[in-house]
Amino acid sequence: DAASIRRTLTMQAPEWRKARTALRLGKNRLTKAHKSLLRTVTTADTEVGTAWRLKEQFRDLYRKVAPSNAARYLRRWIDEAQSCGIVAFVQLARMIDKKSDAICAAIELGISNALIEGINSKIRLINARGYGHHSAASLKAMIYLNLGGIEVKLPTQR
């Protein structure tokens, strides 16, 4: 059974940290050492191997699949995730299935909220860097200064 398979894989803490890093990385960013470690972990624990493969296949939906094939690819991924037996992926597949039309439309139209999310992250950083601001107006001024495309040249710069 799976528990006995997991027990056969013994690693020290530093190896587990490296394995966790390898599992989080995308297939395109793996080094030879990561690939070897990943092969060891996914062979010893088939559930981890299945989870990693499903994660990579879902990433491929956005990176490699032609927009015209997105709906068909996503349907196959949902079916596979629902039948994999991993509770978290079954729940994820159900949730994605409910939103599949919107996901496919976003892929086909090339729409993403990544730009807005990036701006929100920068605003949170500006606020944290200022240790809070005296007023909303001062925060707004810092946001415009940092993100408004204004280039301030000091008198000592040419």
Protein backbone atom coordinates (compact mmCIF):
# COMPACT_ATOMS: atom_id res chain seq x y z
CA ASP A 1 0.00 0.00 0.00
CA ALA A 2 0.98 3.70 -0.28
CA ALA A 3 2.08 3.98 3.38
CA SER A 4 4.63 1.20 3.00
CA ILE A 5 5.92 2.75 -0.23
CA ARG A 6 6.42 6.09 1.54
CA ARG A 7 8.36 4.43 4.35
CA THR A 8 10.90 3.04 1.87
CA LEU A 9 11.93 6.55 0.91
CA THR A 10 14.14 7.88 3.70
CA MET A 11 15.59 11.35 3.40
CA GLN A 12 17.22 13.74 5.76
CA ALA A 13 15.70 17.18 6.32
CA PRO A 14 17.94 19.00 3.79
CA GLU A 15 17.00 16.46 1.09
CA TRP A 16 13.30 16.90 1.86
CA ARG A 17 13.66 20.68 1.55
CA LYS A 18 15.30 20.23 -1.85
CA ALA A 19 12.59 17.76 -2.87
CA ARG A 20 9.88 20.22 -1.82
CA THR A 21 11.57 22.94 -3.86
CA ALA A 22 11.78 20.62 -6.87
CA LEU A 23 8.09 19.76 -6.55
CA ARG A 24 7.15 23.45 -6.48
CA LEU A 25 9.28 24.41 -9.46
CA GLY A 26 7.89 24.28 -12.95
CA LYS A 27 9.13 21.57 -15.27
CA ASN A 28 10.95 24.20 -17.33
CA ARG A 29 13.03 25.41 -14.34
CA LEU A 30 14.30 22.06 -13.04
CA THR A 31 18.05 21.45 -12.90
CA LYS A 32 19.53 17.98 -13.41
CA ALA A 33 19.78 17.55 -9.63
CA HIS A 34 16.12 18.60 -9.21
CA LYS A 35 15.03 16.17 -11.94
CA SER A 36 16.88 13.30 -10.29
CA LEU A 37 15.44 14.09 -6.86
CA LEU A 38 11.96 14.52 -8.32
CA ARG A 39 12.21 11.16 -10.09
CA THR A 40 13.20 9.51 -6.80
CA VAL A 41 10.33 11.07 -4.85
CA THR A 42 7.63 10.54 -7.47
CA THR A 43 8.69 6.92 -8.03
CA ALA A 44 8.60 6.14 -4.32
CA ASP A 45 5.27 7.90 -3.74
CA THR A 46 2.87 7.55 -6.66
CA GLU A 47 0.38 9.99 -5.10
CA VAL A 48 3.02 12.72 -5.06
CA GLY A 49 3.95 11.81 -8.62
CA THR A 50 0.33 12.08 -9.76
CA ALA A 51 -0.11 15.41 -7.98
CA TRP A 52 3.04 16.82 -9.57
CA ARG A 53 2.02 15.62 -13.04
CA LEU A 54 -1.46 17.14 -12.68
CA LYS A 55 0.04 20.43 -11.49
CA GLU A 56 2.33 20.57 -14.53
CA GLN A 57 -0.48 19.65 -16.91
CA PHE A 58 -2.60 22.47 -15.54
CA ARG A 59 0.28 24.91 -15.98
CA ASP A 60 0.60 23.73 -19.58
CA LEU A 61 -2.98 24.83 -20.19
CA TYR A 62 -1.82 28.43 -19.89
CA ARG A 63 1.64 28.04 -21.35
CA LYS A 64 1.54 25.51 -24.19
CA VAL A 65 -2.02 24.75 -25.28
CA ALA A 66 -3.38 26.66 -28.26
CA PRO A 67 -6.37 28.80 -27.25
CA SER A 68 -8.57 26.94 -29.74
CA ASN A 69 -7.81 23.64 -27.93
CA ALA A 70 -8.15 25.02 -24.39
CA ALA A 71 -11.70 23.77 -23.72
CA ARG A 72 -10.94 20.23 -24.85
CA TYR A 73 -7.63 20.13 -22.92
CA LEU A 74 -9.26 21.49 -19.76
CA ARG A 75 -12.09 18.93 -19.98
CA ARG A 76 -9.53 16.09 -20.17
CA TRP A 77 -7.60 17.57 -17.23
CA ILE A 78 -10.77 17.87 -15.12
CA ASP A 79 -11.73 14.27 -15.89
CA GLU A 80 -8.26 13.01 -15.00
CA ALA A 81 -8.11 15.06 -11.79
CA GLN A 82 -11.54 13.83 -10.70
CA SER A 83 -10.54 10.21 -11.21
CA CYS A 84 -7.05 10.41 -9.66
CA GLY A 85 -8.23 9.55 -6.14
CA ILE A 86 -6.47 12.50 -4.47
CA VAL A 87 -9.13 14.33 -2.47
CA ALA A 88 -7.60 17.80 -2.93
CA PHE A 89 -7.44 17.38 -6.71
CA VAL A 90 -10.98 15.99 -6.89
CA GLN A 91 -12.24 19.09 -5.05
CA LEU A 92 -10.09 21.37 -7.22
CA ALA A 93 -11.40 19.71 -10.38
CA ARG A 94 -15.00 20.25 -9.22
CA MET A 95 -14.29 23.92 -8.56
CA ILE A 96 -12.52 24.38 -11.91
CA ASP A 97 -15.32 22.54 -13.70
CA LYS A 98 -17.81 25.13 -12.41
CA LYS A 99 -15.61 27.94 -13.77
CA SER A 100 -14.37 26.16 -16.92
CA ASP A 101 -16.27 28.42 -19.35
CA ALA A 102 -14.75 31.54 -17.80
CA ILE A 103 -11.27 29.96 -17.73
CA CYS A 104 -11.47 29.00 -21.40
CA ALA A 105 -12.78 32.45 -22.34
CA ALA A 106 -9.86 34.09 -20.51
CA ILE A 107 -7.38 31.86 -22.34
CA GLU A 108 -9.02 32.38 -25.73
CA LEU A 109 -9.22 36.15 -25.27
CA GLY A 110 -5.80 36.47 -23.62
CA ILE A 111 -7.25 38.27 -20.61
CA SER A 112 -5.48 38.19 -17.27
CA ASN A 113 -5.62 40.10 -14.01
CA ALA A 114 -1.84 39.72 -13.52
CA LEU A 115 -1.17 43.42 -14.18
CA ILE A 116 -3.72 44.54 -11.59
CA GLU A 117 -2.42 42.01 -9.05
CA GLY A 118 1.11 43.31 -9.61
CA ILE A 119 -0.01 46.90 -9.04
CA ASN A 120 -1.85 45.86 -5.86
CA SER A 121 1.32 44.19 -4.56
CA LYS A 122 3.32 47.33 -5.25
CA ILE A 123 0.76 49.47 -3.44
CA ARG A 124 0.92 47.18 -0.39
CA LEU A 125 4.72 47.47 -0.47
CA ILE A 126 4.55 51.26 -0.69
CA ASN A 127 2.21 51.34 2.31
CA ALA A 128 4.38 48.95 4.35
CA ARG A 129 7.55 50.83 3.44
CA GLY A 130 5.97 54.04 4.72
CA TYR A 131 5.06 52.40 8.07
CA GLY A 132 1.55 53.63 7.46
CA HIS A 133 0.77 57.11 6.24
CA HIS A 134 -0.61 60.14 8.02
CA SER A 135 -3.53 60.37 5.62
CA ALA A 136 -5.02 58.77 2.54
CA ALA A 137 -3.75 61.75 0.57
CA SER A 138 -0.11 61.06 1.49
CA LEU A 139 -0.48 57.38 0.52
CA LYS A 140 -2.11 58.41 -2.75
CA ALA A 141 0.75 60.82 -3.45
CA MET A 142 3.34 58.07 -2.85
CA ILE A 143 1.44 55.70 -5.15
CA TYR A 144 1.40 58.31 -7.93
CA LEU A 145 5.06 59.09 -7.34
CA ASN A 146 6.11 55.43 -7.49
CA LEU A 147 3.70 54.08 -10.11
CA GLY A 148 2.64 57.12 -12.10
CA GLY A 149 5.54 57.11 -14.52
CA ILE A 150 6.94 60.33 -13.09
CA GLU A 151 10.70 60.47 -13.30
CA VAL A 152 12.19 62.73 -10.67
CA LYS A 153 15.68 64.02 -11.44
CA LEU A 154 17.71 65.31 -8.58
CA PRO A 155 19.80 68.46 -9.11
CA THR A 156 22.94 66.32 -8.89
CA GLN A 157 21.79 64.08 -11.79
CA ARG A 158 22.05 64.99 -15.43
